[in-house]
Structures are given as C-alpha cells and as structure tokens.
Amino acid sequence: MVILLFLLGCGKQVEKPSAVESPESSIVVAETIVTEFPPIDLQCTEDSDCGTFFSYLTDDGRCCGGCTPQVASQSWIAEANMICSSKDKEGCPMKKCLAPPPVQCVEGSCQAVQDPADEKGK
C-alpha cells in the first residue's frame, strides 16, 4: 500500500522555480554584507534637508559612534542609520564628543557653517 501512494505521488509534475525565486538566489542576497556606506549625498533645497552623522563601520563589521561629524543630506543619514541598525555595536569605544557644527543648505549643498556664537568669543 505504501508503494501505491509513492507511485501516485511521483506522477505529478512540479514546475521548476525561476532563477529569481530559486533558493540559491535568496542565499546570495542574504550573504551580501555591507562593509561601507554609500557615497555621501550633500544635495539639499533647504536647511532641514541637512544633518550630521557620527558613526563609522569597522573592518570586523561593527558600527561604532565616532567624534568626526559627516555632513550629509537627511536621506543619506537615514540610509546610513539603516545600515548601522543591522550591525553589532558591542565592543565599540565610548567617546565624549563636542557638539556637532551647525549645518545649512548653501547653494544646493549641505555644509557645516561657522556658529556666530563662536566668532563672538574670539
């Protein structure tokens, strides 16, 4: 009786999955490791489009906070934050950093600007 069920089950045709749906394709995608951030995007139309980012990626795959600000567009910062959210932060050094510089959109490009309060102290 077991043989009969086996023979009946073998008569069915199974469609071969396409290359996009194959398990091998999903494994390759899952093994892709982001080891660097995308190229910096500085494009802006107004000051609120700009910000600063302080994290960096280590050679061993962690995302650690640093003290060197990277001026960039908010969309680039959001993408970099998504990359960091999937990374381990264990073992990153703790740092005390100065406040980030003010940023503005100057002629369509995000830039750090001199804080007028700093000029008064000189």
C-alpha atoms as a PDB file:
ATOM      1  CA  MET A   1       0.000   0.000   0.000  1.00  0.00           C
ATOM      2  CA  VAL A   2       2.891   2.325   0.732  1.00  0.00           C
ATOM      3  CA  ILE A   3       4.308   1.689  -2.724  1.00  0.00           C
ATOM      4  CA  LEU A   4       0.995   2.600  -4.325  1.00  0.00           C
ATOM      5  CA  LEU A   5       0.952   6.027  -2.622  1.00  0.00           C
ATOM      6  CA  PHE A   6       4.555   6.621  -3.613  1.00  0.00           C
ATOM      7  CA  LEU A   7       3.844   5.785  -7.244  1.00  0.00           C
ATOM      8  CA  LEU A   8       0.776   8.013  -7.352  1.00  0.00           C
ATOM      9  CA  GLY A   9       2.752  10.907  -5.859  1.00  0.00           C
ATOM     10  CA  CYS A  10       5.530  10.539  -8.444  1.00  0.00           C
ATOM     11  CA  GLY A  11       3.146  11.097 -11.320  1.00  0.00           C
ATOM     12  CA  LYS A  12       2.713  14.792 -10.548  1.00  0.00           C
ATOM     13  CA  GLN A  13       4.756  17.338 -12.433  1.00  0.00           C
ATOM     14  CA  VAL A  14       6.392  20.040 -10.420  1.00  0.00           C
ATOM     15  CA  GLU A  15       7.240  23.369 -12.021  1.00  0.00           C
ATOM     16  CA  LYS A  16      10.844  24.336 -11.718  1.00  0.00           C
ATOM     17  CA  PRO A  17      11.123  27.701  -9.940  1.00  0.00           C
ATOM     18  CA  SER A  18      12.508  30.601 -11.960  1.00  0.00           C
ATOM     19  CA  ALA A  19      16.013  31.909 -11.269  1.00  0.00           C
ATOM     20  CA  VAL A  20      14.600  34.837  -9.296  1.00  0.00           C
ATOM     21  CA  GLU A  21      12.633  32.564  -6.979  1.00  0.00           C
ATOM     22  CA  SER A  22      15.314  29.902  -6.534  1.00  0.00           C
ATOM     23  CA  PRO A  23      16.632  29.287  -3.033  1.00  0.00           C
ATOM     24  CA  GLU A  24      20.163  29.834  -4.320  1.00  0.00           C
ATOM     25  CA  SER A  25      19.315  33.440  -5.282  1.00  0.00           C
ATOM     26  CA  SER A  26      17.944  34.250  -1.845  1.00  0.00           C
ATOM     27  CA  ILE A  27      21.039  32.789  -0.196  1.00  0.00           C
ATOM     28  CA  VAL A  28      23.315  35.044  -2.266  1.00  0.00           C
ATOM     29  CA  VAL A  29      21.273  38.086  -1.289  1.00  0.00           C
ATOM     30  CA  ALA A  30      21.329  37.073   2.376  1.00  0.00           C
ATOM     31  CA  GLU A  31      25.113  36.684   2.287  1.00  0.00           C
ATOM     32  CA  THR A  32      25.689  40.197   0.920  1.00  0.00           C
ATOM     33  CA  ILE A  33      27.405  42.155   3.668  1.00  0.00           C
ATOM     34  CA  VAL A  34      27.548  45.929   3.575  1.00  0.00           C
ATOM     35  CA  THR A  35      31.057  46.975   4.557  1.00  0.00           C
ATOM     36  CA  GLU A  36      30.839  50.657   3.722  1.00  0.00           C
ATOM     37  CA  PHE A  37      28.345  53.447   3.492  1.00  0.00           C
ATOM     38  CA  PRO A  38      27.041  54.641   0.131  1.00  0.00           C
ATOM     39  CA  PRO A  39      28.717  57.698  -1.431  1.00  0.00           C
ATOM     40  CA  ILE A  40      27.971  60.866   0.551  1.00  0.00           C
ATOM     41  CA  ASP A  41      24.958  62.810  -0.714  1.00  0.00           C
ATOM     42  CA  LEU A  42      25.081  66.549   0.032  1.00  0.00           C
ATOM     43  CA  GLN A  43      22.146  67.660  -2.139  1.00  0.00           C
ATOM     44  CA  CYS A  44      19.556  69.873  -0.471  1.00  0.00           C
ATOM     45  CA  THR A  45      16.945  72.512  -1.117  1.00  0.00           C
ATOM     46  CA  GLU A  46      16.619  73.869   2.427  1.00  0.00           C
ATOM     47  CA  ASP A  47      18.492  73.741   5.747  1.00  0.00           C
ATOM     48  CA  SER A  48      16.239  71.000   7.162  1.00  0.00           C
ATOM     49  CA  ASP A  49      17.465  68.659   4.389  1.00  0.00           C
ATOM     50  CA  CYS A  50      20.911  68.595   6.056  1.00  0.00           C
ATOM     51  CA  GLY A  51      22.354  66.986   9.167  1.00  0.00           C
ATOM     52  CA  THR A  52      25.429  65.342  10.683  1.00  0.00           C
ATOM     53  CA  PHE A  53      26.265  61.662  11.125  1.00  0.00           C
ATOM     54  CA  PHE A  54      28.877  60.371  13.578  1.00  0.00           C
ATOM     55  CA  SER A  55      29.110  56.592  13.110  1.00  0.00           C
ATOM     56  CA  TYR A  56      31.688  54.549  11.225  1.00  0.00           C
ATOM     57  CA  LEU A  57      31.951  50.925  10.101  1.00  0.00           C
ATOM     58  CA  THR A  58      34.803  48.823  11.446  1.00  0.00           C
ATOM     59  CA  ASP A  59      36.721  46.193   9.483  1.00  0.00           C
ATOM     60  CA  ASP A  60      35.093  43.459  11.576  1.00  0.00           C
ATOM     61  CA  GLY A  61      31.542  44.549  10.711  1.00  0.00           C
ATOM     62  CA  ARG A  62      30.538  46.723  13.673  1.00  0.00           C
ATOM     63  CA  CYS A  63      29.006  50.202  13.515  1.00  0.00           C
ATOM     64  CA  CYS A  64      30.565  52.455  16.157  1.00  0.00           C
ATOM     65  CA  GLY A  65      29.954  56.047  17.125  1.00  0.00           C
ATOM     66  CA  GLY A  66      32.760  58.488  16.461  1.00  0.00           C
ATOM     67  CA  CYS A  67      33.519  62.139  17.075  1.00  0.00           C
ATOM     68  CA  THR A  68      34.140  63.183  13.480  1.00  0.00           C
ATOM     69  CA  PRO A  69      30.904  64.571  12.054  1.00  0.00           C
ATOM     70  CA  GLN A  70      29.946  63.726   8.496  1.00  0.00           C
ATOM     71  CA  VAL A  71      27.762  66.433   6.977  1.00  0.00           C
ATOM     72  CA  ALA A  72      25.203  64.874   4.633  1.00  0.00           C
ATOM     73  CA  SER A  73      21.631  65.005   3.411  1.00  0.00           C
ATOM     74  CA  GLN A  74      18.942  63.656   5.731  1.00  0.00           C
ATOM     75  CA  SER A  75      18.129  60.948   3.173  1.00  0.00           C
ATOM     76  CA  TRP A  76      21.768  59.750   3.206  1.00  0.00           C
ATOM     77  CA  ILE A  77      21.793  59.848   7.021  1.00  0.00           C
ATOM     78  CA  ALA A  78      18.611  57.735   7.109  1.00  0.00           C
ATOM     79  CA  GLU A  79      20.208  55.164   4.786  1.00  0.00           C
ATOM     80  CA  ALA A  80      23.413  55.078   6.868  1.00  0.00           C
ATOM     81  CA  ASN A  81      21.343  54.663  10.060  1.00  0.00           C
ATOM     82  CA  MET A  82      19.548  51.686   8.478  1.00  0.00           C
ATOM     83  CA  ILE A  83      22.906  50.076   7.706  1.00  0.00           C
ATOM     84  CA  CYS A  84      24.090  50.695  11.277  1.00  0.00           C
ATOM     85  CA  SER A  85      20.893  49.348  12.818  1.00  0.00           C
ATOM     86  CA  SER A  86      21.708  45.915  11.390  1.00  0.00           C
ATOM     87  CA  LYS A  87      25.273  45.942  12.741  1.00  0.00           C
ATOM     88  CA  ASP A  88      26.692  44.884  16.086  1.00  0.00           C
ATOM     89  CA  LYS A  89      27.812  47.703  18.379  1.00  0.00           C
ATOM     90  CA  GLU A  90      29.370  45.528  21.077  1.00  0.00           C
ATOM     91  CA  GLY A  91      32.963  46.436  21.884  1.00  0.00           C
ATOM     92  CA  CYS A  92      32.793  49.910  20.377  1.00  0.00           C
ATOM     93  CA  PRO A  93      34.787  52.501  22.317  1.00  0.00           C
ATOM     94  CA  MET A  94      32.812  55.017  24.366  1.00  0.00           C
ATOM     95  CA  LYS A  95      33.630  58.586  23.371  1.00  0.00           C
ATOM     96  CA  LYS A  96      32.771  62.037  24.617  1.00  0.00           C
ATOM     97  CA  CYS A  97      32.500  64.362  21.670  1.00  0.00           C
ATOM     98  CA  LEU A  98      31.937  68.047  21.080  1.00  0.00           C
ATOM     99  CA  ALA A  99      28.543  69.206  19.838  1.00  0.00           C
ATOM    100  CA  PRO A 100      28.123  68.903  16.073  1.00  0.00           C
ATOM    101  CA  PRO A 101      28.618  72.017  13.979  1.00  0.00           C
ATOM    102  CA  PRO A 102      25.529  73.765  12.648  1.00  0.00           C
ATOM    103  CA  VAL A 103      24.717  72.776   9.067  1.00  0.00           C
ATOM    104  CA  GLN A 104      22.969  74.688   6.315  1.00  0.00           C
ATOM    105  CA  CYS A 105      21.949  74.231   2.730  1.00  0.00           C
ATOM    106  CA  VAL A 106      24.257  76.549   0.795  1.00  0.00           C
ATOM    107  CA  GLU A 107      23.648  76.777  -2.952  1.00  0.00           C
ATOM    108  CA  GLY A 108      22.101  73.275  -3.030  1.00  0.00           C
ATOM    109  CA  SER A 109      24.796  71.580  -0.942  1.00  0.00           C
ATOM    110  CA  CYS A 110      24.818  70.665   2.751  1.00  0.00           C
ATOM    111  CA  GLN A 111      27.701  72.365   4.559  1.00  0.00           C
ATOM    112  CA  ALA A 112      28.924  72.875   8.100  1.00  0.00           C
ATOM    113  CA  VAL A 113      28.879  76.560   8.943  1.00  0.00           C
ATOM    114  CA  GLN A 114      30.678  78.657  11.495  1.00  0.00           C
ATOM    115  CA  ASP A 115      28.491  79.242  14.550  1.00  0.00           C
ATOM    116  CA  PRO A 116      28.145  83.044  15.061  1.00  0.00           C
ATOM    117  CA  ALA A 117      28.482  82.461  18.848  1.00  0.00           C
ATOM    118  CA  ASP A 118      31.994  81.081  18.258  1.00  0.00           C
ATOM    119  CA  GLU A 119      33.016  84.280  16.473  1.00  0.00           C
ATOM    120  CA  LYS A 120      31.966  86.469  19.454  1.00  0.00           C
ATOM    121  CA  GLY A 121      34.327  84.613  21.784  1.00  0.00           C
ATOM    122  CA  LYS A 122      37.391  85.472  19.700  1.00  0.00           C
END
